[in-house]
């Protein structure tokens, strides 16, 4: 039924200008303003994510966007150098920089979570 549609995902933020700056300047993504005053984030895979302002925005408590990278350690270094906090979860499952390193491959990839300015959870994970 929807196999040939150009589906896309979207999420809300509380400040569209902060989101534009973060996704474009901090993360280095291609971001454009669309005709509705929302943001279109263009992904290397060809997909587009819609980002829209919402006055009563509540941050997503789950990971809304994952970025596969060759090295989580290098990505975390870059994020931290740009002022992004990567230690957002407490406990034994992450190290001092917020990186989770599963003991067994079947438990998942090396991953680290961080938040956008609106509080939405994002991650970098080893590809």
PDB file of N, CA and C in Angstrom:
ATOM      1  N   UNK A   1       0.807  -1.200   0.000  1.00  0.00           N
ATOM      2  CA  UNK A   1       0.000   0.000   0.000  1.00  0.00           C
ATOM      3  C   UNK A   1       0.858   1.276   0.000  1.00  0.00           C
ATOM      4  N   UNK A   2       1.864   1.312   0.879  1.00  0.00           N
ATOM      5  CA  UNK A   2       2.697   2.502   0.965  1.00  0.00           C
ATOM      6  C   UNK A   2       4.118   2.257   0.460  1.00  0.00           C
ATOM      7  N   UNK A   3       4.349   1.150  -0.185  1.00  0.00           N
ATOM      8  CA  UNK A   3       5.683   0.778  -0.627  1.00  0.00           C
ATOM      9  C   UNK A   3       6.349   1.762  -1.566  1.00  0.00           C
ATOM     10  N   UNK A   4       5.563   2.523  -2.308  1.00  0.00           N
ATOM     11  CA  UNK A   4       6.141   3.460  -3.265  1.00  0.00           C
ATOM     12  C   UNK A   4       6.060   4.916  -2.808  1.00  0.00           C
ATOM     13  N   UNK A   5       5.634   5.145  -1.568  1.00  0.00           N
ATOM     14  CA  UNK A   5       5.521   6.524  -1.092  1.00  0.00           C
ATOM     15  C   UNK A   5       6.871   7.026  -0.602  1.00  0.00           C
ATOM     16  N   UNK A   6       7.017   8.311  -0.566  1.00  0.00           N
ATOM     17  CA  UNK A   6       8.237   8.934  -0.045  1.00  0.00           C
ATOM     18  C   UNK A   6       7.988   9.316   1.415  1.00  0.00           C
ATOM     19  N   UNK A   7       7.907   8.289   2.249  1.00  0.00           N
ATOM     20  CA  UNK A   7       7.655   8.488   3.674  1.00  0.00           C
ATOM     21  C   UNK A   7       8.813   9.259   4.308  1.00  0.00           C
ATOM     22  N   UNK A   8       8.511   9.937   5.400  1.00  0.00           N
ATOM     23  CA  UNK A   8       9.539  10.656   6.140  1.00  0.00           C
ATOM     24  C   UNK A   8       9.163  10.662   7.612  1.00  0.00           C
ATOM     25  N   UNK A   9      10.135  10.954   8.424  1.00  0.00           N
ATOM     26  CA  UNK A   9       9.924  11.018   9.864  1.00  0.00           C
ATOM     27  C   UNK A   9       9.999  12.467  10.310  1.00  0.00           C
ATOM     28  N   UNK A  10       9.531  12.727  11.509  1.00  0.00           N
ATOM     29  CA  UNK A  10       9.594  14.079  12.035  1.00  0.00           C
ATOM     30  C   UNK A  10       9.594  14.076  13.547  1.00  0.00           C
ATOM     31  N   UNK A  11      10.026  15.177  14.114  1.00  0.00           N
ATOM     32  CA  UNK A  11       9.986  15.348  15.559  1.00  0.00           C
ATOM     33  C   UNK A  11       9.900  16.834  15.875  1.00  0.00           C
ATOM     34  N   UNK A  12       9.493  17.125  17.108  1.00  0.00           N
ATOM     35  CA  UNK A  12       9.311  18.520  17.509  1.00  0.00           C
ATOM     36  C   UNK A  12      10.491  19.036  18.322  1.00  0.00           C
ATOM     37  N   UNK A  13      10.593  20.356  18.338  1.00  0.00           N
ATOM     38  CA  UNK A  13      11.565  21.080  19.160  1.00  0.00           C
ATOM     39  C   UNK A  13      10.864  22.301  19.744  1.00  0.00           C
ATOM     40  N   UNK A  14      11.464  22.890  20.765  1.00  0.00           N
ATOM     41  CA  UNK A  14      10.855  24.080  21.349  1.00  0.00           C
ATOM     42  C   UNK A  14      11.386  25.372  20.745  1.00  0.00           C
ATOM     43  N   UNK A  15      12.509  25.300  20.012  1.00  0.00           N
ATOM     44  CA  UNK A  15      13.105  26.505  19.420  1.00  0.00           C
ATOM     45  C   UNK A  15      13.699  26.122  18.064  1.00  0.00           C
ATOM     46  N   UNK A  16      13.046  26.535  16.999  1.00  0.00           N
ATOM     47  CA  UNK A  16      13.464  26.142  15.652  1.00  0.00           C
ATOM     48  C   UNK A  16      14.827  26.727  15.279  1.00  0.00           C
ATOM     49  N   UNK A  17      15.132  27.942  15.754  1.00  0.00           N
ATOM     50  CA  UNK A  17      16.434  28.553  15.456  1.00  0.00           C
ATOM     51  C   UNK A  17      17.575  27.795  16.128  1.00  0.00           C
ATOM     52  N   UNK A  18      17.383  27.406  17.384  1.00  0.00           N
ATOM     53  CA  UNK A  18      18.396  26.598  18.078  1.00  0.00           C
ATOM     54  C   UNK A  18      18.590  25.259  17.379  1.00  0.00           C
ATOM     55  N   UNK A  19      17.490  24.657  16.950  1.00  0.00           N
ATOM     56  CA  UNK A  19      17.572  23.370  16.260  1.00  0.00           C
ATOM     57  C   UNK A  19      18.350  23.511  14.957  1.00  0.00           C
ATOM     58  N   UNK A  20      18.048  24.549  14.193  1.00  0.00           N
ATOM     59  CA  UNK A  20      18.748  24.777  12.926  1.00  0.00           C
ATOM     60  C   UNK A  20      20.257  24.870  13.166  1.00  0.00           C
ATOM     61  N   UNK A  21      20.648  25.689  14.136  1.00  0.00           N
ATOM     62  CA  UNK A  21      22.063  25.879  14.443  1.00  0.00           C
ATOM     63  C   UNK A  21      22.708  24.575  14.883  1.00  0.00           C
ATOM     64  N   UNK A  22      22.051  23.830  15.755  1.00  0.00           N
ATOM     65  CA  UNK A  22      22.609  22.582  16.265  1.00  0.00           C
ATOM     66  C   UNK A  22      22.785  21.546  15.155  1.00  0.00           C
ATOM     67  N   UNK A  23      21.736  21.285  14.413  1.00  0.00           N
ATOM     68  CA  UNK A  23      21.813  20.238  13.397  1.00  0.00           C
ATOM     69  C   UNK A  23      22.717  20.632  12.234  1.00  0.00           C
ATOM     70  N   UNK A  24      22.733  21.907  11.878  1.00  0.00           N
ATOM     71  CA  UNK A  24      23.570  22.370  10.769  1.00  0.00           C
ATOM     72  C   UNK A  24      25.014  22.589  11.211  1.00  0.00           C
ATOM     73  N   UNK A  25      25.219  23.415  12.231  1.00  0.00           N
ATOM     74  CA  UNK A  25      26.571  23.838  12.590  1.00  0.00           C
ATOM     75  C   UNK A  25      27.288  22.851  13.505  1.00  0.00           C
ATOM     76  N   UNK A  26      26.577  22.300  14.469  1.00  0.00           N
ATOM     77  CA  UNK A  26      27.217  21.379  15.402  1.00  0.00           C
ATOM     78  C   UNK A  26      27.357  19.986  14.800  1.00  0.00           C
ATOM     79  N   UNK A  27      26.290  19.461  14.221  1.00  0.00           N
ATOM     80  CA  UNK A  27      26.346  18.106  13.677  1.00  0.00           C
ATOM     81  C   UNK A  27      26.766  18.054  12.217  1.00  0.00           C
ATOM     82  N   UNK A  28      26.752  19.183  11.528  1.00  0.00           N
ATOM     83  CA  UNK A  28      27.220  19.228  10.146  1.00  0.00           C
ATOM     84  C   UNK A  28      26.266  18.659   9.120  1.00  0.00           C
ATOM     85  N   UNK A  29      24.978  18.625   9.447  1.00  0.00           N
ATOM     86  CA  UNK A  29      23.983  18.102   8.513  1.00  0.00           C
ATOM     87  C   UNK A  29      23.490  19.202   7.572  1.00  0.00           C
ATOM     88  N   UNK A  30      22.948  18.808   6.448  1.00  0.00           N
ATOM     89  CA  UNK A  30      22.337  19.760   5.529  1.00  0.00           C
ATOM     90  C   UNK A  30      20.928  20.044   6.039  1.00  0.00           C
ATOM     91  N   UNK A  31      20.681  21.301   6.365  1.00  0.00           N
ATOM     92  CA  UNK A  31      19.395  21.717   6.931  1.00  0.00           C
ATOM     93  C   UNK A  31      18.849  22.849   6.081  1.00  0.00           C
ATOM     94  N   UNK A  32      17.577  22.750   5.709  1.00  0.00           N
ATOM     95  CA  UNK A  32      16.951  23.837   4.965  1.00  0.00           C
ATOM     96  C   UNK A  32      15.609  24.193   5.591  1.00  0.00           C
ATOM     97  N   UNK A  33      15.262  25.457   5.475  1.00  0.00           N
ATOM     98  CA  UNK A  33      13.944  25.912   5.912  1.00  0.00           C
ATOM     99  C   UNK A  33      12.955  25.561   4.806  1.00  0.00           C
ATOM    100  N   UNK A  34      11.795  25.024   5.175  1.00  0.00           N
ATOM    101  CA  UNK A  34      10.804  24.731   4.149  1.00  0.00           C
ATOM    102  C   UNK A  34       9.737  25.829   4.129  1.00  0.00           C
ATOM    103  N   UNK A  35       8.798  25.711   3.245  1.00  0.00           N
ATOM    104  CA  UNK A  35       7.790  26.757   3.039  1.00  0.00           C
ATOM    105  C   UNK A  35       6.894  26.990   4.253  1.00  0.00           C
ATOM    106  N   UNK A  36       6.801  26.009   5.135  1.00  0.00           N
ATOM    107  CA  UNK A  36       5.955  26.152   6.328  1.00  0.00           C
ATOM    108  C   UNK A  36       6.709  26.758   7.511  1.00  0.00           C
ATOM    109  N   UNK A  37       8.005  27.043   7.319  1.00  0.00           N
ATOM    110  CA  UNK A  37       8.808  27.558   8.423  1.00  0.00           C
ATOM    111  C   UNK A  37       9.378  26.456   9.296  1.00  0.00           C
ATOM    112  N   UNK A  38       9.283  25.223   8.826  1.00  0.00           N
ATOM    113  CA  UNK A  38       9.856  24.082   9.524  1.00  0.00           C
ATOM    114  C   UNK A  38      11.241  23.820   8.934  1.00  0.00           C
ATOM    115  N   UNK A  39      11.935  22.838   9.484  1.00  0.00           N
ATOM    116  CA  UNK A  39      13.246  22.463   8.966  1.00  0.00           C
ATOM    117  C   UNK A  39      13.165  21.110   8.283  1.00  0.00           C
ATOM    118  N   UNK A  40      13.898  20.971   7.205  1.00  0.00           N
ATOM    119  CA  UNK A  40      14.121  19.684   6.562  1.00  0.00           C
ATOM    120  C   UNK A  40      15.591  19.343   6.774  1.00  0.00           C
ATOM    121  N   UNK A  41      15.835  18.231   7.463  1.00  0.00           N
ATOM    122  CA  UNK A  41      17.199  17.743   7.636  1.00  0.00           C
ATOM    123  C   UNK A  41      17.414  16.663   6.600  1.00  0.00           C
ATOM    124  N   UNK A  42      18.407  16.857   5.757  1.00  0.00           N
ATOM    125  CA  UNK A  42      18.705  15.902   4.687  1.00  0.00           C
ATOM    126  C   UNK A  42      19.781  14.935   5.167  1.00  0.00           C
ATOM    127  N   UNK A  43      19.511  13.650   5.003  1.00  0.00           N
ATOM    128  CA  UNK A  43      20.437  12.613   5.426  1.00  0.00           C
ATOM    129  C   UNK A  43      21.219  12.081   4.235  1.00  0.00           C
ATOM    130  N   UNK A  44      22.390  11.547   4.508  1.00  0.00           N
ATOM    131  CA  UNK A  44      23.241  11.000   3.444  1.00  0.00           C
ATOM    132  C   UNK A  44      22.554   9.851   2.712  1.00  0.00           C
ATOM    133  N   UNK A  45      21.606   9.201   3.354  1.00  0.00           N
ATOM    134  CA  UNK A  45      20.886   8.085   2.740  1.00  0.00           C
ATOM    135  C   UNK A  45      19.835   8.546   1.749  1.00  0.00           C
ATOM    136  N   UNK A  46      19.616   9.869   1.675  1.00  0.00           N
ATOM    137  CA  UNK A  46      18.603  10.412   0.785  1.00  0.00           C
ATOM    138  C   UNK A  46      17.304  10.737   1.491  1.00  0.00           C
ATOM    139  N   UNK A  47      17.174  10.325   2.731  1.00  0.00           N
ATOM    140  CA  UNK A  47      15.963  10.614   3.494  1.00  0.00           C
ATOM    141  C   UNK A  47      15.940  12.047   4.005  1.00  0.00           C
ATOM    142  N   UNK A  48      14.751  12.472   4.382  1.00  0.00           N
ATOM    143  CA  UNK A  48      14.560  13.813   4.941  1.00  0.00           C
ATOM    144  C   UNK A  48      13.781  13.671   6.240  1.00  0.00           C
ATOM    145  N   UNK A  49      14.195  14.420   7.241  1.00  0.00           N
ATOM    146  CA  UNK A  49      13.493  14.446   8.518  1.00  0.00           C
ATOM    147  C   UNK A  49      12.908  15.837   8.700  1.00  0.00           C
ATOM    148  N   UNK A  50      11.644  15.895   9.049  1.00  0.00           N
ATOM    149  CA  UNK A  50      10.949  17.148   9.298  1.00  0.00           C
ATOM    150  C   UNK A  50      11.100  17.522  10.773  1.00  0.00           C
ATOM    151  N   UNK A  51      11.531  18.741  11.033  1.00  0.00           N
ATOM    152  CA  UNK A  51      11.641  19.248  12.401  1.00  0.00           C
ATOM    153  C   UNK A  51      10.722  20.449  12.504  1.00  0.00           C
ATOM    154  N   UNK A  52       9.826  20.409  13.473  1.00  0.00           N
ATOM    155  CA  UNK A  52       8.822  21.462  13.584  1.00  0.00           C
ATOM    156  C   UNK A  52       8.769  22.015  15.005  1.00  0.00           C
ATOM    157  N   UNK A  53       8.482  23.305  15.130  1.00  0.00           N
ATOM    158  CA  UNK A  53       8.382  23.899  16.463  1.00  0.00           C
ATOM    159  C   UNK A  53       7.050  23.537  17.103  1.00  0.00           C
ATOM    160  N   UNK A  54       7.086  23.321  18.398  1.00  0.00           N
ATOM    161  CA  UNK A  54       5.867  22.997  19.133  1.00  0.00           C
ATOM    162  C   UNK A  54       5.937  23.722  20.475  1.00  0.00           C
ATOM    163  N   UNK A  55       5.036  24.656  20.719  1.00  0.00           N
ATOM    164  CA  UNK A  55       5.104  25.449  21.954  1.00  0.00           C
ATOM    165  C   UNK A  55       5.091  24.612  23.238  1.00  0.00           C
ATOM    166  N   UNK A  56       4.349  23.506  23.247  1.00  0.00           N
ATOM    167  CA  UNK A  56       4.297  22.653  24.439  1.00  0.00           C
ATOM    168  C   UNK A  56       5.155  21.396  24.252  1.00  0.00           C
ATOM    169  N   UNK A  57       6.263  21.563  23.524  1.00  0.00           N
ATOM    170  CA  UNK A  57       7.178  20.460  23.228  1.00  0.00           C
ATOM    171  C   UNK A  57       7.582  19.721  24.504  1.00  0.00           C
ATOM    172  N   UNK A  58       7.553  18.410  24.425  1.00  0.00           N
ATOM    173  CA  UNK A  58       8.088  17.534  25.467  1.00  0.00           C
ATOM    174  C   UNK A  58       9.169  16.691  24.801  1.00  0.00           C
ATOM    175  N   UNK A  59      10.400  16.726  25.308  1.00  0.00           N
ATOM    176  CA  UNK A  59      11.482  15.968  24.676  1.00  0.00           C
ATOM    177  C   UNK A  59      11.166  14.478  24.597  1.00  0.00           C
ATOM    178  N   UNK A  60      11.595  13.873  23.511  1.00  0.00           N
ATOM    179  CA  UNK A  60      11.442  12.427  23.362  1.00  0.00           C
ATOM    180  C   UNK A  60      12.321  11.731  24.398  1.00  0.00           C
ATOM    181  N   UNK A  61      11.785  10.736  25.058  1.00  0.00           N
ATOM    182  CA  UNK A  61      12.543  10.008  26.068  1.00  0.00           C
ATOM    183  C   UNK A  61      13.200   8.756  25.481  1.00  0.00           C
ATOM    184  N   UNK A  62      13.131   8.632  24.187  1.00  0.00           N
ATOM    185  CA  UNK A  62      13.731   7.515  23.466  1.00  0.00           C
ATOM    186  C   UNK A  62      14.609   8.103  22.372  1.00  0.00           C
ATOM    187  N   UNK A  63      15.441   7.289  21.771  1.00  0.00           N
ATOM    188  CA  UNK A  63      16.346   7.759  20.727  1.00  0.00           C
ATOM    189  C   UNK A  63      15.565   8.022  19.452  1.00  0.00           C
ATOM    190  N   UNK A  64      15.593   9.280  18.988  1.00  0.00           N
ATOM    191  CA  UNK A  64      14.838   9.644  17.789  1.00  0.00           C
ATOM    192  C   UNK A  64      15.681   9.580  16.522  1.00  0.00           C
ATOM    193  N   UNK A  65      17.011   9.606  16.685  1.00  0.00           N
ATOM    194  CA  UNK A  65      17.882   9.640  15.514  1.00  0.00           C
ATOM    195  C   UNK A  65      19.218   9.001  15.883  1.00  0.00           C
ATOM    196  N   UNK A  66      19.658   8.050  15.078  1.00  0.00           N
ATOM    197  CA  UNK A  66      20.922   7.345  15.290  1.00  0.00           C
ATOM    198  C   UNK A  66      21.889   7.666  14.155  1.00  0.00           C
ATOM    199  N   UNK A  67      23.123   7.927  14.502  1.00  0.00           N
ATOM    200  CA  UNK A  67      24.156   8.208  13.511  1.00  0.00           C
ATOM    201  C   UNK A  67      25.215   7.112  13.555  1.00  0.00           C
ATOM    202  N   UNK A  68      25.222   6.186  12.581  1.00  0.00           N
ATOM    203  CA  UNK A  68      26.282   5.188  12.512  1.00  0.00           C
ATOM    204  C   UNK A  68      27.601   5.873  12.150  1.00  0.00           C
ATOM    205  N   UNK A  69      28.650   5.548  12.891  1.00  0.00           N
ATOM    206  CA  UNK A  69      29.972   6.147  12.670  1.00  0.00           C
ATOM    207  C   UNK A  69      31.033   5.051  12.743  1.00  0.00           C
ATOM    208  N   UNK A  70      32.186   5.274  12.093  1.00  0.00           N
ATOM    209  CA  UNK A  70      33.253   4.272  12.163  1.00  0.00           C
ATOM    210  C   UNK A  70      33.818   4.121  13.577  1.00  0.00           C
ATOM    211  N   UNK A  71      33.869   5.236  14.333  1.00  0.00           N
ATOM    212  CA  UNK A  71      34.435   5.205  15.684  1.00  0.00           C
ATOM    213  C   UNK A  71      33.604   6.076  16.618  1.00  0.00           C
ATOM    214  N   UNK A  72      32.968   5.445  17.589  1.00  0.00           N
ATOM    215  CA  UNK A  72      32.202   6.202  18.579  1.00  0.00           C
ATOM    216  C   UNK A  72      33.141   7.091  19.391  1.00  0.00           C
ATOM    217  N   UNK A  73      34.326   6.579  19.716  1.00  0.00           N
ATOM    218  CA  UNK A  73      35.283   7.381  20.494  1.00  0.00           C
ATOM    219  C   UNK A  73      35.621   8.680  19.771  1.00  0.00           C
ATOM    220  N   UNK A  74      35.899   8.609  18.478  1.00  0.00           N
ATOM    221  CA  UNK A  74      36.227   9.814  17.707  1.00  0.00           C
ATOM    222  C   UNK A  74      35.024  10.742  17.616  1.00  0.00           C
ATOM    223  N   UNK A  75      33.836  10.193  17.415  1.00  0.00           N
ATOM    224  CA  UNK A  75      32.627  11.016  17.336  1.00  0.00           C
ATOM    225  C   UNK A  75      32.353  11.718  18.660  1.00  0.00           C
ATOM    226  N   UNK A  76      32.531  11.004  19.767  1.00  0.00           N
ATOM    227  CA  UNK A  76      32.326  11.606  21.083  1.00  0.00           C
ATOM    228  C   UNK A  76      33.351  12.713  21.324  1.00  0.00           C
ATOM    229  N   UNK A  77      34.596  12.497  20.914  1.00  0.00           N
ATOM    230  CA  UNK A  77      35.609  13.555  21.033  1.00  0.00           C
ATOM    231  C   UNK A  77      35.162  14.810  20.288  1.00  0.00           C
ATOM    232  N   UNK A  78      34.665  14.634  19.061  1.00  0.00           N
ATOM    233  CA  UNK A  78      34.201  15.778  18.264  1.00  0.00           C
ATOM    234  C   UNK A  78      32.999  16.452  18.896  1.00  0.00           C
ATOM    235  N   UNK A  79      32.043  15.671  19.367  1.00  0.00           N
ATOM    236  CA  UNK A  79      30.854  16.243  20.012  1.00  0.00           C
ATOM    237  C   UNK A  79      31.241  17.020  21.263  1.00  0.00           C
ATOM    238  N   UNK A  80      32.085  16.410  22.102  1.00  0.00           N
ATOM    239  CA  UNK A  80      32.512  17.086  23.329  1.00  0.00           C
ATOM    240  C   UNK A  80      33.274  18.372  23.024  1.00  0.00           C
ATOM    241  N   UNK A  81      34.099  18.370  21.973  1.00  0.00           N
ATOM    242  CA  UNK A  81      34.848  19.569  21.584  1.00  0.00           C
ATOM    243  C   UNK A  81      33.914  20.696  21.156  1.00  0.00           C
ATOM    244  N   UNK A  82      32.718  20.328  20.683  1.00  0.00           N
ATOM    245  CA  UNK A  82      31.731  21.330  20.267  1.00  0.00           C
ATOM    246  C   UNK A  82      30.759  21.675  21.391  1.00  0.00           C
ATOM    247  N   UNK A  83      31.043  21.170  22.596  1.00  0.00           N
ATOM    248  CA  UNK A  83      30.219  21.503  23.746  1.00  0.00           C
ATOM    249  C   UNK A  83      29.031  20.601  23.985  1.00  0.00           C
ATOM    250  N   UNK A  84      28.928  19.508  23.245  1.00  0.00           N
ATOM    251  CA  UNK A  84      27.806  18.585  23.411  1.00  0.00           C
ATOM    252  C   UNK A  84      28.114  17.622  24.563  1.00  0.00           C
ATOM    253  N   UNK A  85      27.196  17.529  25.497  1.00  0.00           N
ATOM    254  CA  UNK A  85      27.337  16.619  26.636  1.00  0.00           C
ATOM    255  C   UNK A  85      26.890  15.232  26.201  1.00  0.00           C
ATOM    256  N   UNK A  86      27.771  14.255  26.388  1.00  0.00           N
ATOM    257  CA  UNK A  86      27.459  12.893  25.977  1.00  0.00           C
ATOM    258  C   UNK A  86      27.216  11.967  27.163  1.00  0.00           C
ATOM    259  N   UNK A  87      27.446  12.436  28.352  1.00  0.00           N
ATOM    260  CA  UNK A  87      27.152  11.610  29.537  1.00  0.00           C
ATOM    261  C   UNK A  87      25.776  12.019  30.035  1.00  0.00           C
ATOM    262  N   UNK A  88      24.727  11.363  29.506  1.00  0.00           N
ATOM    263  CA  UNK A  88      23.363  11.730  29.902  1.00  0.00           C
ATOM    264  C   UNK A  88      22.696  10.648  30.733  1.00  0.00           C
ATOM    265  N   UNK A  89      23.286   9.451  30.771  1.00  0.00           N
ATOM    266  CA  UNK A  89      22.729   8.362  31.566  1.00  0.00           C
ATOM    267  C   UNK A  89      23.720   7.992  32.657  1.00  0.00           C
ATOM    268  N   UNK A  90      23.238   7.799  33.852  1.00  0.00           N
ATOM    269  CA  UNK A  90      24.068   7.366  34.972  1.00  0.00           C
ATOM    270  C   UNK A  90      24.004   5.853  35.102  1.00  0.00           C
ATOM    271  N   UNK A  91      24.958   5.303  35.793  1.00  0.00           N
ATOM    272  CA  UNK A  91      24.942   3.865  36.033  1.00  0.00           C
ATOM    273  C   UNK A  91      26.179   3.186  35.506  1.00  0.00           C
ATOM    274  N   UNK A  92      26.198   1.884  35.675  1.00  0.00           N
ATOM    275  CA  UNK A  92      27.364   1.085  35.309  1.00  0.00           C
ATOM    276  C   UNK A  92      27.449   0.779  33.820  1.00  0.00           C
ATOM    277  N   UNK A  93      26.392   1.066  33.074  1.00  0.00           N
ATOM    278  CA  UNK A  93      26.377   0.642  31.673  1.00  0.00           C
ATOM    279  C   UNK A  93      27.163   1.571  30.751  1.00  0.00           C
ATOM    280  N   UNK A  94      27.548   2.759  31.228  1.00  0.00           N
ATOM    281  CA  UNK A  94      28.325   3.683  30.391  1.00  0.00           C
ATOM    282  C   UNK A  94      29.575   4.139  31.134  1.00  0.00           C
ATOM    283  N   UNK A  95      30.593   4.515  30.348  1.00  0.00           N
ATOM    284  CA  UNK A  95      31.821   5.010  30.961  1.00  0.00           C
ATOM    285  C   UNK A  95      31.691   6.506  31.280  1.00  0.00           C
ATOM    286  N   UNK A  96      32.775   7.134  31.661  1.00  0.00           N
ATOM    287  CA  UNK A  96      32.741   8.538  32.097  1.00  0.00           C
ATOM    288  C   UNK A  96      32.345   9.500  30.983  1.00  0.00           C
ATOM    289  N   UNK A  97      32.475   9.073  29.733  1.00  0.00           N
ATOM    290  CA  UNK A  97      32.083   9.929  28.600  1.00  0.00           C
ATOM    291  C   UNK A  97      30.706   9.578  28.066  1.00  0.00           C
ATOM    292  N   UNK A  98      30.056   8.575  28.656  1.00  0.00           N
ATOM    293  CA  UNK A  98      28.720   8.178  28.236  1.00  0.00           C
ATOM    294  C   UNK A  98      28.685   7.066  27.215  1.00  0.00           C
ATOM    295  N   UNK A  99      29.809   6.457  26.943  1.00  0.00           N
ATOM    296  CA  UNK A  99      29.876   5.395  25.928  1.00  0.00           C
ATOM    297  C   UNK A  99      29.556   4.040  26.564  1.00  0.00           C
ATOM    298  N   UNK A 100      28.617   3.331  25.955  1.00  0.00           N
ATOM    299  CA  UNK A 100      28.277   1.971  26.373  1.00  0.00           C
ATOM    300  C   UNK A 100      29.034   1.008  25.476  1.00  0.00           C
ATOM    301  N   UNK A 101      29.741   0.086  26.119  1.00  0.00           N
ATOM    302  CA  UNK A 101      30.533  -0.908  25.389  1.00  0.00           C
ATOM    303  C   UNK A 101      30.056  -2.304  25.803  1.00  0.00           C
ATOM    304  N   UNK A 102      29.081  -2.851  25.083  1.00  0.00           N
ATOM    305  CA  UNK A 102      28.547  -4.162  25.450  1.00  0.00           C
ATOM    306  C   UNK A 102      29.637  -5.224  25.509  1.00  0.00           C
ATOM    307  N   UNK A 103      29.513  -6.128  26.476  1.00  0.00           N
ATOM    308  CA  UNK A 103      30.488  -7.203  26.646  1.00  0.00           C
ATOM    309  C   UNK A 103      30.435  -8.229  25.519  1.00  0.00           C
ATOM    310  N   UNK A 104      29.254  -8.364  24.925  1.00  0.00           N
ATOM    311  CA  UNK A 104      29.077  -9.359  23.866  1.00  0.00           C
ATOM    312  C   UNK A 104      28.446  -8.671  22.655  1.00  0.00           C
ATOM    313  N   UNK A 105      28.894  -9.014  21.444  1.00  0.00           N
ATOM    314  CA  UNK A 105      28.350  -8.374  20.232  1.00  0.00           C
ATOM    315  C   UNK A 105      26.834  -8.489  20.107  1.00  0.00           C
ATOM    316  N   UNK A 106      26.271  -9.590  20.566  1.00  0.00           N
ATOM    317  CA  UNK A 106      24.825  -9.779  20.431  1.00  0.00           C
ATOM    318  C   UNK A 106      24.029  -8.830  21.332  1.00  0.00           C
ATOM    319  N   UNK A 107      24.705  -8.150  22.259  1.00  0.00           N
ATOM    320  CA  UNK A 107      24.030  -7.185  23.134  1.00  0.00           C
ATOM    321  C   UNK A 107      23.911  -5.815  22.473  1.00  0.00           C
ATOM    322  N   UNK A 108      24.504  -5.666  21.304  1.00  0.00           N
ATOM    323  CA  UNK A 108      24.385  -4.410  20.571  1.00  0.00           C
ATOM    324  C   UNK A 108      25.730  -3.772  20.309  1.00  0.00           C
ATOM    325  N   UNK A 109      25.709  -2.657  19.571  1.00  0.00           N
ATOM    326  CA  UNK A 109      26.954  -1.988  19.189  1.00  0.00           C
ATOM    327  C   UNK A 109      27.476  -1.079  20.302  1.00  0.00           C
ATOM    328  N   UNK A 110      28.697  -0.626  20.142  1.00  0.00           N
ATOM    329  CA  UNK A 110      29.220   0.448  20.984  1.00  0.00           C
ATOM    330  C   UNK A 110      28.392   1.676  20.638  1.00  0.00           C
ATOM    331  N   UNK A 111      27.857   2.355  21.643  1.00  0.00           N
ATOM    332  CA  UNK A 111      26.902   3.449  21.408  1.00  0.00           C
ATOM    333  C   UNK A 111      27.060   4.524  22.474  1.00  0.00           C
ATOM    334  N   UNK A 112      26.718   5.732  22.108  1.00  0.00           N
ATOM    335  CA  UNK A 112      26.733   6.845  23.048  1.00  0.00           C
ATOM    336  C   UNK A 112      25.561   7.766  22.717  1.00  0.00           C
ATOM    337  N   UNK A 113      24.851   8.183  23.755  1.00  0.00           N
ATOM    338  CA  UNK A 113      23.695   9.038  23.570  1.00  0.00           C
ATOM    339  C   UNK A 113      24.010  10.476  23.951  1.00  0.00           C
ATOM    340  N   UNK A 114      23.292  11.394  23.331  1.00  0.00           N
ATOM    341  CA  UNK A 114      23.395  12.821  23.645  1.00  0.00           C
ATOM    342  C   UNK A 114      22.060  13.453  23.312  1.00  0.00           C
ATOM    343  N   UNK A 115      21.896  14.719  23.661  1.00  0.00           N
ATOM    344  CA  UNK A 115      20.622  15.390  23.420  1.00  0.00           C
ATOM    345  C   UNK A 115      20.802  16.611  22.536  1.00  0.00           C
ATOM    346  N   UNK A 116      19.749  16.918  21.784  1.00  0.00           N
ATOM    347  CA  UNK A 116      19.732  18.174  21.034  1.00  0.00           C
ATOM    348  C   UNK A 116      19.301  19.284  22.000  1.00  0.00           C
ATOM    349  N   UNK A 117      19.326  20.547  21.583  1.00  0.00           N
ATOM    350  CA  UNK A 117      18.962  21.627  22.492  1.00  0.00           C
ATOM    351  C   UNK A 117      17.542  21.539  23.056  1.00  0.00           C
ATOM    352  N   UNK A 118      16.662  20.810  22.371  1.00  0.00           N
ATOM    353  CA  UNK A 118      15.284  20.646  22.840  1.00  0.00           C
ATOM    354  C   UNK A 118      15.137  19.465  23.801  1.00  0.00           C
ATOM    355  N   UNK A 119      16.234  18.743  24.040  1.00  0.00           N
ATOM    356  CA  UNK A 119      16.201  17.610  24.956  1.00  0.00           C
ATOM    357  C   UNK A 119      15.905  16.274  24.325  1.00  0.00           C
ATOM    358  N   UNK A 120      15.740  16.229  22.997  1.00  0.00           N
ATOM    359  CA  UNK A 120      15.510  14.963  22.298  1.00  0.00           C
ATOM    360  C   UNK A 120      16.775  14.128  22.308  1.00  0.00           C
ATOM    361  N   UNK A 121      16.635  12.816  22.477  1.00  0.00           N
ATOM    362  CA  UNK A 121      17.785  11.908  22.572  1.00  0.00           C
ATOM    363  C   UNK A 121      18.219  11.460  21.186  1.00  0.00           C
ATOM    364  N   UNK A 122      19.535  11.551  20.944  1.00  0.00           N
ATOM    365  CA  UNK A 122      20.173  11.120  19.704  1.00  0.00           C
ATOM    366  C   UNK A 122      21.293  10.155  20.084  1.00  0.00           C
ATOM    367  N   UNK A 123      21.855   9.455  19.110  1.00  0.00           N
ATOM    368  CA  UNK A 123      22.991   8.599  19.427  1.00  0.00           C
ATOM    369  C   UNK A 123      23.982   8.548  18.278  1.00  0.00           C
ATOM    370  N   UNK A 124      25.204   8.182  18.638  1.00  0.00           N
ATOM    371  CA  UNK A 124      26.215   7.731  17.679  1.00  0.00           C
ATOM    372  C   UNK A 124      26.481   6.290  18.044  1.00  0.00           C
ATOM    373  N   UNK A 125      26.551   5.437  17.032  1.00  0.00           N
ATOM    374  CA  UNK A 125      26.810   4.026  17.273  1.00  0.00           C
ATOM    375  C   UNK A 125      27.788   3.520  16.248  1.00  0.00           C
ATOM    376  N   UNK A 126      28.597   2.547  16.668  1.00  0.00           N
ATOM    377  CA  UNK A 126      29.627   2.039  15.774  1.00  0.00           C
ATOM    378  C   UNK A 126      29.006   1.188  14.683  1.00  0.00           C
ATOM    379  N   UNK A 127      29.373   1.542  13.460  1.00  0.00           N
ATOM    380  CA  UNK A 127      28.834   0.903  12.262  1.00  0.00           C
ATOM    381  C   UNK A 127      29.579  -0.394  11.991  1.00  0.00           C
TER     382      UNK A 127
END
